[in-house]
Amino acid sequence: MEKGIYRIRGNAHVDGADARQGGELRPGNTVRTQPGGEIVCAVQNDAFLVRQNSEVSIVANGLRVVAGAVLSVFRPNQRKEIR
């Protein structure tokens, strides 16, 4: 699986800057979406769909969901933490 941002819809930001397709994401980044916004991305061996009105911080072993909704697909047999 290739890493990075696959698709952006509407207003979406990574660490306060406009998200861009093909941009890299890694632990320590924060993804925020506005109304109507959405990001589909891959980080390490995991994939995420961050829905509108969401704020998600990527951590070394999972996610920290501050607000909103996220669909996640994790690599099997690896411990992950969602806070």
C-alpha atoms as a PDB file:
ATOM      1  CA  MET A   1       0.000   0.000   0.000  1.00  0.00           C
ATOM      2  CA  GLU A   2       1.352   3.392  -0.917  1.00  0.00           C
ATOM      3  CA  LYS A   3       1.339   6.061   1.764  1.00  0.00           C
ATOM      4  CA  GLY A   4      -0.236   9.469   1.512  1.00  0.00           C
ATOM      5  CA  ILE A   5      -3.419  11.280   0.610  1.00  0.00           C
ATOM      6  CA  TYR A   6      -5.418   9.558  -2.124  1.00  0.00           C
ATOM      7  CA  ARG A   7      -8.486  11.780  -2.338  1.00  0.00           C
ATOM      8  CA  ILE A   8      -9.657  15.136  -0.989  1.00  0.00           C
ATOM      9  CA  ARG A   9     -13.161  16.522  -1.180  1.00  0.00           C
ATOM     10  CA  GLY A  10     -14.044  20.016   0.025  1.00  0.00           C
ATOM     11  CA  ASN A  11     -11.991  21.863   2.645  1.00  0.00           C
ATOM     12  CA  ALA A  12      -9.401  19.697   4.365  1.00  0.00           C
ATOM     13  CA  HIS A  13      -6.166  20.560   6.158  1.00  0.00           C
ATOM     14  CA  VAL A  14      -3.046  18.801   7.432  1.00  0.00           C
ATOM     15  CA  ASP A  15      -1.317  20.618  10.283  1.00  0.00           C
ATOM     16  CA  GLY A  16      -3.167  23.825   9.355  1.00  0.00           C
ATOM     17  CA  ALA A  17      -2.131  23.856   5.673  1.00  0.00           C
ATOM     18  CA  ASP A  18      -4.395  22.924   2.764  1.00  0.00           C
ATOM     19  CA  ALA A  19      -4.251  19.164   2.177  1.00  0.00           C
ATOM     20  CA  ARG A  20      -3.031  18.116  -1.252  1.00  0.00           C
ATOM     21  CA  GLN A  21      -3.496  14.870  -3.122  1.00  0.00           C
ATOM     22  CA  GLY A  22      -0.307  12.799  -3.022  1.00  0.00           C
ATOM     23  CA  GLY A  23       0.866  14.569   0.142  1.00  0.00           C
ATOM     24  CA  GLU A  24       2.512  12.409   2.776  1.00  0.00           C
ATOM     25  CA  LEU A  25       1.045  11.754   6.223  1.00  0.00           C
ATOM     26  CA  ARG A  26       2.941  10.378   9.194  1.00  0.00           C
ATOM     27  CA  PRO A  27       2.581  10.056  12.954  1.00  0.00           C
ATOM     28  CA  GLY A  28       2.435  13.510  14.502  1.00  0.00           C
ATOM     29  CA  ASN A  29       0.237  15.022  11.768  1.00  0.00           C
ATOM     30  CA  THR A  30      -3.256  16.348  12.479  1.00  0.00           C
ATOM     31  CA  VAL A  31      -5.965  16.140   9.818  1.00  0.00           C
ATOM     32  CA  ARG A  32      -8.976  18.496   9.957  1.00  0.00           C
ATOM     33  CA  THR A  33     -11.980  18.565   7.655  1.00  0.00           C
ATOM     34  CA  GLN A  34     -14.652  21.242   7.330  1.00  0.00           C
ATOM     35  CA  PRO A  35     -18.357  20.826   6.424  1.00  0.00           C
ATOM     36  CA  GLY A  36     -18.501  18.827   3.188  1.00  0.00           C
ATOM     37  CA  GLY A  37     -14.786  17.938   3.486  1.00  0.00           C
ATOM     38  CA  GLU A  38     -13.293  14.448   3.375  1.00  0.00           C
ATOM     39  CA  ILE A  39      -9.830  12.856   3.081  1.00  0.00           C
ATOM     40  CA  VAL A  40      -8.928   9.293   2.075  1.00  0.00           C
ATOM     41  CA  CYS A  41      -5.357   8.434   3.078  1.00  0.00           C
ATOM     42  CA  ALA A  42      -2.884   5.717   4.005  1.00  0.00           C
ATOM     43  CA  VAL A  43      -0.390   5.907   6.862  1.00  0.00           C
ATOM     44  CA  GLN A  44       2.139   3.105   7.275  1.00  0.00           C
ATOM     45  CA  ASN A  45       0.036  -0.047   6.578  1.00  0.00           C
ATOM     46  CA  ASP A  46      -3.351   1.420   7.531  1.00  0.00           C
ATOM     47  CA  ALA A  47      -6.035   3.279   5.567  1.00  0.00           C
ATOM     48  CA  PHE A  48      -8.443   5.999   6.739  1.00  0.00           C
ATOM     49  CA  LEU A  49     -11.482   7.909   5.535  1.00  0.00           C
ATOM     50  CA  VAL A  50     -11.749  11.100   7.603  1.00  0.00           C
ATOM     51  CA  ARG A  51     -15.294  12.429   7.301  1.00  0.00           C
ATOM     52  CA  GLN A  52     -16.528  16.039   7.359  1.00  0.00           C
ATOM     53  CA  ASN A  53     -16.232  18.147  10.526  1.00  0.00           C
ATOM     54  CA  SER A  54     -13.500  15.900  11.936  1.00  0.00           C
ATOM     55  CA  GLU A  55     -10.144  16.347  13.631  1.00  0.00           C
ATOM     56  CA  VAL A  56      -7.815  13.345  13.835  1.00  0.00           C
ATOM     57  CA  SER A  57      -4.238  13.156  15.106  1.00  0.00           C
ATOM     58  CA  ILE A  58      -2.094  10.344  13.780  1.00  0.00           C
ATOM     59  CA  VAL A  59      -0.047   8.632  16.482  1.00  0.00           C
ATOM     60  CA  ALA A  60       2.624   5.928  16.186  1.00  0.00           C
ATOM     61  CA  ASN A  61       0.301   3.032  17.011  1.00  0.00           C
ATOM     62  CA  GLY A  62      -3.094   4.334  15.862  1.00  0.00           C
ATOM     63  CA  LEU A  63      -5.300   7.417  15.977  1.00  0.00           C
ATOM     64  CA  ARG A  64      -6.534  10.080  18.335  1.00  0.00           C
ATOM     65  CA  VAL A  65      -9.994  11.168  17.241  1.00  0.00           C
ATOM     66  CA  VAL A  66     -10.602  14.636  18.678  1.00  0.00           C
ATOM     67  CA  ALA A  67     -13.938  15.193  16.933  1.00  0.00           C
ATOM     68  CA  GLY A  68     -15.996  13.766  14.108  1.00  0.00           C
ATOM     69  CA  ALA A  69     -15.961  10.412  12.343  1.00  0.00           C
ATOM     70  CA  VAL A  70     -13.302   8.167  10.821  1.00  0.00           C
ATOM     71  CA  LEU A  71     -13.513   4.868   8.958  1.00  0.00           C
ATOM     72  CA  SER A  72     -10.310   2.867   9.521  1.00  0.00           C
ATOM     73  CA  VAL A  73      -8.838  -0.293   8.014  1.00  0.00           C
ATOM     74  CA  PHE A  74      -5.864  -1.672   9.944  1.00  0.00           C
ATOM     75  CA  ARG A  75      -3.288  -4.268   8.978  1.00  0.00           C
ATOM     76  CA  PRO A  76      -4.269  -7.589  10.601  1.00  0.00           C
ATOM     77  CA  ASN A  77      -2.563  -8.943  13.717  1.00  0.00           C
ATOM     78  CA  GLN A  78      -1.103  -5.618  14.825  1.00  0.00           C
ATOM     79  CA  ARG A  79      -2.135  -3.862  18.011  1.00  0.00           C
ATOM     80  CA  LYS A  80      -3.672  -0.427  17.383  1.00  0.00           C
ATOM     81  CA  GLU A  81      -4.993   2.214  19.716  1.00  0.00           C
ATOM     82  CA  ILE A  82      -7.864   4.590  18.994  1.00  0.00           C
ATOM     83  CA  ARG A  83      -8.403   7.299  21.579  1.00  0.00           C
END
